[in-house]
Amino acid sequence: MGLNPEPDHRSRDAAREGSEFVELLEVLWEHGREAVPTGPVSPSQLRVLYTLDREEGINLRMLAEALGSASPSVSRLCDRLQATGFVERAPSPVSRRELELRLTSHGKAYLVDLRTRREEVLMSTIDAMPTKARRALLEGLRAFRGAAAASGQDGSGPRSLRSTG
């Protein structure tokens, strides 16, 4: 049983606003991404980079599971990322038949730069909000994360190896 078993019109309004917020966030994210000099990296490749940043040294099968994708597709993504110098494959110390995937220093630097630029774009928008609205946004986002975690929809389920929070 969920926390609010019968959603009311406010939940629908919040979901609609949330959907519009996500679309706006995607636009802002792209502004941050366009500002990063290294690239371009496709959204699928970016998901690989994020996953490898959280789960350094995982193998291709585990990466495919985390992304909910087929191993051949993920292998091609990793091939392209390796060609750009963002990802490296190394023999596993546990099994000679497996390769571990890791971000290179170049891949890590790309993510740091991307996250910094995206945060700058977001901060300029958030700074334009009244103080009371910023506090409410922070409180709302924390509650949203908590609700997502409580319902298992925070990325720590079977398609993810662990929570990013």
C-alpha atoms as a PDB file:
ATOM      1  CA  MET A   1       0.000   0.000   0.000  1.00  0.00           C
ATOM      2  CA  GLY A   2       1.401   3.383  -1.025  1.00  0.00           C
ATOM      3  CA  LEU A   3       1.544   6.515   1.017  1.00  0.00           C
ATOM      4  CA  ASN A   4      -1.300   8.128  -0.966  1.00  0.00           C
ATOM      5  CA  PRO A   5      -3.387   5.279  -2.422  1.00  0.00           C
ATOM      6  CA  GLU A   6      -5.945   7.602  -4.076  1.00  0.00           C
ATOM      7  CA  PRO A   7      -4.311  10.418  -6.023  1.00  0.00           C
ATOM      8  CA  ASP A   8      -6.332  13.607  -6.024  1.00  0.00           C
ATOM      9  CA  HIS A   9      -6.344  16.462  -8.516  1.00  0.00           C
ATOM     10  CA  ARG A  10      -3.316  17.988  -6.753  1.00  0.00           C
ATOM     11  CA  SER A  11      -1.307  14.854  -7.500  1.00  0.00           C
ATOM     12  CA  ARG A  12      -2.295  15.068 -11.166  1.00  0.00           C
ATOM     13  CA  ASP A  13      -1.412  18.776 -11.215  1.00  0.00           C
ATOM     14  CA  ALA A  14       1.933  18.007  -9.564  1.00  0.00           C
ATOM     15  CA  ALA A  15       2.590  15.219 -12.083  1.00  0.00           C
ATOM     16  CA  ARG A  16       1.798  17.580 -14.965  1.00  0.00           C
ATOM     17  CA  GLU A  17       4.044  20.282 -13.492  1.00  0.00           C
ATOM     18  CA  GLY A  18       6.731  17.656 -12.875  1.00  0.00           C
ATOM     19  CA  SER A  19       6.548  16.546 -16.492  1.00  0.00           C
ATOM     20  CA  GLU A  20       6.903  20.122 -17.699  1.00  0.00           C
ATOM     21  CA  PHE A  21       9.777  20.610 -15.235  1.00  0.00           C
ATOM     22  CA  VAL A  22      11.589  17.561 -16.638  1.00  0.00           C
ATOM     23  CA  GLU A  23      11.190  18.878 -20.182  1.00  0.00           C
ATOM     24  CA  LEU A  24      12.577  22.269 -19.121  1.00  0.00           C
ATOM     25  CA  LEU A  25      15.389  20.543 -17.250  1.00  0.00           C
ATOM     26  CA  GLU A  26      16.277  18.615 -20.417  1.00  0.00           C
ATOM     27  CA  VAL A  27      16.552  21.911 -22.306  1.00  0.00           C
ATOM     28  CA  LEU A  28      18.719  23.412 -19.547  1.00  0.00           C
ATOM     29  CA  TRP A  29      20.824  20.226 -19.453  1.00  0.00           C
ATOM     30  CA  GLU A  30      21.492  20.543 -23.166  1.00  0.00           C
ATOM     31  CA  HIS A  31      22.629  24.158 -22.682  1.00  0.00           C
ATOM     32  CA  GLY A  32      25.126  22.857 -20.129  1.00  0.00           C
ATOM     33  CA  ARG A  33      26.168  20.034 -22.424  1.00  0.00           C
ATOM     34  CA  GLU A  34      26.677  22.325 -25.407  1.00  0.00           C
ATOM     35  CA  ALA A  35      29.051  24.407 -23.295  1.00  0.00           C
ATOM     36  CA  VAL A  36      31.371  21.451 -22.637  1.00  0.00           C
ATOM     37  CA  PRO A  37      34.184  21.557 -25.193  1.00  0.00           C
ATOM     38  CA  THR A  38      34.685  17.780 -25.369  1.00  0.00           C
ATOM     39  CA  GLY A  39      32.057  15.834 -27.211  1.00  0.00           C
ATOM     40  CA  PRO A  40      29.593  15.271 -28.527  1.00  0.00           C
ATOM     41  CA  VAL A  41      28.441  12.330 -26.477  1.00  0.00           C
ATOM     42  CA  SER A  42      25.038  10.847 -27.218  1.00  0.00           C
ATOM     43  CA  PRO A  43      22.475  10.466 -24.415  1.00  0.00           C
ATOM     44  CA  SER A  44      23.034   6.684 -24.491  1.00  0.00           C
ATOM     45  CA  GLN A  45      26.782   7.129 -24.203  1.00  0.00           C
ATOM     46  CA  LEU A  46      26.253   9.586 -21.367  1.00  0.00           C
ATOM     47  CA  ARG A  47      24.222   6.963 -19.476  1.00  0.00           C
ATOM     48  CA  VAL A  48      27.174   4.592 -19.875  1.00  0.00           C
ATOM     49  CA  LEU A  49      29.548   7.224 -18.494  1.00  0.00           C
ATOM     50  CA  TYR A  50      27.274   7.929 -15.518  1.00  0.00           C
ATOM     51  CA  THR A  51      26.985   4.223 -14.756  1.00  0.00           C
ATOM     52  CA  LEU A  52      30.722   3.623 -14.998  1.00  0.00           C
ATOM     53  CA  ASP A  53      31.308   6.620 -12.763  1.00  0.00           C
ATOM     54  CA  ARG A  54      29.116   5.019 -10.076  1.00  0.00           C
ATOM     55  CA  GLU A  55      30.157   1.396 -10.700  1.00  0.00           C
ATOM     56  CA  GLU A  56      33.800   1.466 -11.691  1.00  0.00           C
ATOM     57  CA  GLY A  57      35.174  -1.848 -12.866  1.00  0.00           C
ATOM     58  CA  ILE A  58      31.889  -3.540 -13.773  1.00  0.00           C
ATOM     59  CA  ASN A  59      31.795  -5.919 -16.700  1.00  0.00           C
ATOM     60  CA  LEU A  60      29.807  -5.549 -19.912  1.00  0.00           C
ATOM     61  CA  ARG A  61      27.010  -7.887 -18.798  1.00  0.00           C
ATOM     62  CA  MET A  62      26.480  -5.939 -15.569  1.00  0.00           C
ATOM     63  CA  LEU A  63      26.558  -2.646 -17.470  1.00  0.00           C
ATOM     64  CA  ALA A  64      23.953  -3.933 -19.929  1.00  0.00           C
ATOM     65  CA  GLU A  65      21.739  -5.015 -17.016  1.00  0.00           C
ATOM     66  CA  ALA A  66      22.117  -1.650 -15.306  1.00  0.00           C
ATOM     67  CA  LEU A  67      21.139   0.140 -18.523  1.00  0.00           C
ATOM     68  CA  GLY A  68      18.361  -2.308 -19.406  1.00  0.00           C
ATOM     69  CA  SER A  69      19.965  -2.855 -22.822  1.00  0.00           C
ATOM     70  CA  ALA A  70      21.293  -5.731 -24.879  1.00  0.00           C
ATOM     71  CA  SER A  71      24.980  -6.548 -24.461  1.00  0.00           C
ATOM     72  CA  PRO A  72      25.834  -6.103 -28.171  1.00  0.00           C
ATOM     73  CA  SER A  73      24.373  -2.565 -28.148  1.00  0.00           C
ATOM     74  CA  VAL A  74      26.228  -1.676 -24.962  1.00  0.00           C
ATOM     75  CA  SER A  75      29.422  -3.150 -26.368  1.00  0.00           C
ATOM     76  CA  ARG A  76      29.147  -0.851 -29.408  1.00  0.00           C
ATOM     77  CA  LEU A  77      28.565   2.139 -27.123  1.00  0.00           C
ATOM     78  CA  CYS A  78      31.678   1.200 -25.161  1.00  0.00           C
ATOM     79  CA  ASP A  79      33.645   0.768 -28.410  1.00  0.00           C
ATOM     80  CA  ARG A  80      32.792   4.347 -29.391  1.00  0.00           C
ATOM     81  CA  LEU A  81      33.573   5.667 -25.912  1.00  0.00           C
ATOM     82  CA  GLN A  82      36.881   3.817 -25.924  1.00  0.00           C
ATOM     83  CA  ALA A  83      37.698   5.357 -29.327  1.00  0.00           C
ATOM     84  CA  THR A  84      37.065   8.839 -27.870  1.00  0.00           C
ATOM     85  CA  GLY A  85      39.355   8.045 -24.931  1.00  0.00           C
ATOM     86  CA  PHE A  86      36.574   8.144 -22.307  1.00  0.00           C
ATOM     87  CA  VAL A  87      36.458   4.425 -21.429  1.00  0.00           C
ATOM     88  CA  GLU A  88      39.065   1.711 -21.039  1.00  0.00           C
ATOM     89  CA  ARG A  89      38.717  -2.034 -20.855  1.00  0.00           C
ATOM     90  CA  ALA A  90      41.057  -4.045 -18.668  1.00  0.00           C
ATOM     91  CA  PRO A  91      41.288  -7.728 -17.770  1.00  0.00           C
ATOM     92  CA  SER A  92      39.436  -8.609 -14.587  1.00  0.00           C
ATOM     93  CA  PRO A  93      41.644  -9.722 -11.708  1.00  0.00           C
ATOM     94  CA  VAL A  94      38.866 -12.167 -10.758  1.00  0.00           C
ATOM     95  CA  SER A  95      38.291 -13.859 -14.119  1.00  0.00           C
ATOM     96  CA  ARG A  96      40.532 -13.906 -17.164  1.00  0.00           C
ATOM     97  CA  ARG A  97      37.423 -14.289 -19.350  1.00  0.00           C
ATOM     98  CA  GLU A  98      35.965 -10.955 -18.260  1.00  0.00           C
ATOM     99  CA  LEU A  99      36.924  -7.373 -18.948  1.00  0.00           C
ATOM    100  CA  GLU A 100      36.358  -4.545 -16.526  1.00  0.00           C
ATOM    101  CA  LEU A 101      35.121  -1.215 -17.794  1.00  0.00           C
ATOM    102  CA  ARG A 102      36.464   2.007 -16.318  1.00  0.00           C
ATOM    103  CA  LEU A 103      36.378   5.689 -17.064  1.00  0.00           C
ATOM    104  CA  THR A 104      39.693   7.132 -18.146  1.00  0.00           C
ATOM    105  CA  SER A 105      40.951  10.363 -16.636  1.00  0.00           C
ATOM    106  CA  HIS A 106      39.661  12.041 -19.816  1.00  0.00           C
ATOM    107  CA  GLY A 107      36.195  10.495 -19.263  1.00  0.00           C
ATOM    108  CA  LYS A 108      36.163  11.555 -15.617  1.00  0.00           C
ATOM    109  CA  ALA A 109      37.212  15.089 -16.531  1.00  0.00           C
ATOM    110  CA  TYR A 110      34.419  15.237 -19.119  1.00  0.00           C
ATOM    111  CA  LEU A 111      31.819  14.303 -16.493  1.00  0.00           C
ATOM    112  CA  VAL A 112      33.194  16.800 -13.958  1.00  0.00           C
ATOM    113  CA  ASP A 113      33.092  19.561 -16.556  1.00  0.00           C
ATOM    114  CA  LEU A 114      29.614  18.561 -17.744  1.00  0.00           C
ATOM    115  CA  ARG A 115      28.203  18.427 -14.218  1.00  0.00           C
ATOM    116  CA  THR A 116      29.816  21.755 -13.317  1.00  0.00           C
ATOM    117  CA  ARG A 117      28.388  23.503 -16.372  1.00  0.00           C
ATOM    118  CA  ARG A 118      24.946  21.987 -15.877  1.00  0.00           C
ATOM    119  CA  GLU A 119      24.980  23.041 -12.236  1.00  0.00           C
ATOM    120  CA  GLU A 120      25.923  26.584 -13.292  1.00  0.00           C
ATOM    121  CA  VAL A 121      22.966  26.698 -15.697  1.00  0.00           C
ATOM    122  CA  LEU A 122      20.626  25.436 -12.988  1.00  0.00           C
ATOM    123  CA  MET A 123      22.028  27.785 -10.355  1.00  0.00           C
ATOM    124  CA  SER A 124      21.466  30.819 -12.553  1.00  0.00           C
ATOM    125  CA  THR A 125      17.810  29.822 -12.893  1.00  0.00           C
ATOM    126  CA  ILE A 126      17.382  28.934  -9.216  1.00  0.00           C
ATOM    127  CA  ASP A 127      19.122  32.156  -8.139  1.00  0.00           C
ATOM    128  CA  ALA A 128      16.416  34.087 -10.002  1.00  0.00           C
ATOM    129  CA  MET A 129      13.771  32.550  -7.722  1.00  0.00           C
ATOM    130  CA  PRO A 130      12.638  34.238  -4.503  1.00  0.00           C
ATOM    131  CA  THR A 131      14.296  32.826  -1.367  1.00  0.00           C
ATOM    132  CA  LYS A 132      11.055  31.293  -0.094  1.00  0.00           C
ATOM    133  CA  ALA A 133      10.498  29.533  -3.421  1.00  0.00           C
ATOM    134  CA  ARG A 134      14.088  28.167  -3.386  1.00  0.00           C
ATOM    135  CA  ARG A 135      13.496  26.720   0.086  1.00  0.00           C
ATOM    136  CA  ALA A 136      10.210  25.181  -1.045  1.00  0.00           C
ATOM    137  CA  LEU A 137      11.916  23.711  -4.119  1.00  0.00           C
ATOM    138  CA  LEU A 138      14.635  22.148  -1.973  1.00  0.00           C
ATOM    139  CA  GLU A 139      12.084  20.719   0.446  1.00  0.00           C
ATOM    140  CA  GLY A 140       9.955  19.420  -2.411  1.00  0.00           C
ATOM    141  CA  LEU A 141      12.891  17.807  -4.200  1.00  0.00           C
ATOM    142  CA  ARG A 142      14.029  16.085  -1.001  1.00  0.00           C
ATOM    143  CA  ALA A 143      10.500  14.779  -0.397  1.00  0.00           C
ATOM    144  CA  PHE A 144      10.283  13.609  -4.004  1.00  0.00           C
ATOM    145  CA  ARG A 145      13.571  11.699  -3.679  1.00  0.00           C
ATOM    146  CA  GLY A 146      12.353  10.145  -0.437  1.00  0.00           C
ATOM    147  CA  ALA A 147       9.074   9.063  -2.027  1.00  0.00           C
ATOM    148  CA  ALA A 148      10.926   7.632  -5.031  1.00  0.00           C
ATOM    149  CA  ALA A 149      13.247   5.700  -2.708  1.00  0.00           C
ATOM    150  CA  ALA A 150      10.340   4.399  -0.623  1.00  0.00           C
ATOM    151  CA  SER A 151       8.551   3.149  -3.728  1.00  0.00           C
ATOM    152  CA  GLY A 152      11.686   1.627  -5.254  1.00  0.00           C
ATOM    153  CA  GLN A 153      11.657   4.061  -8.182  1.00  0.00           C
ATOM    154  CA  ASP A 154      14.899   5.829  -7.342  1.00  0.00           C
ATOM    155  CA  GLY A 155      17.173   3.826  -9.606  1.00  0.00           C
ATOM    156  CA  SER A 156      18.164   1.286  -6.970  1.00  0.00           C
ATOM    157  CA  GLY A 157      15.912  -1.421  -8.397  1.00  0.00           C
ATOM    158  CA  PRO A 158      16.826  -4.299 -10.685  1.00  0.00           C
ATOM    159  CA  ARG A 159      17.850  -2.054 -13.611  1.00  0.00           C
ATOM    160  CA  SER A 160      20.408  -0.263 -11.480  1.00  0.00           C
ATOM    161  CA  LEU A 161      23.280  -1.609  -9.481  1.00  0.00           C
ATOM    162  CA  ARG A 162      22.850   0.830  -6.630  1.00  0.00           C
ATOM    163  CA  SER A 163      21.296   4.152  -5.732  1.00  0.00           C
ATOM    164  CA  THR A 164      23.012   7.317  -6.895  1.00  0.00           C
ATOM    165  CA  GLY A 165      21.970   9.209  -3.779  1.00  0.00           C
END
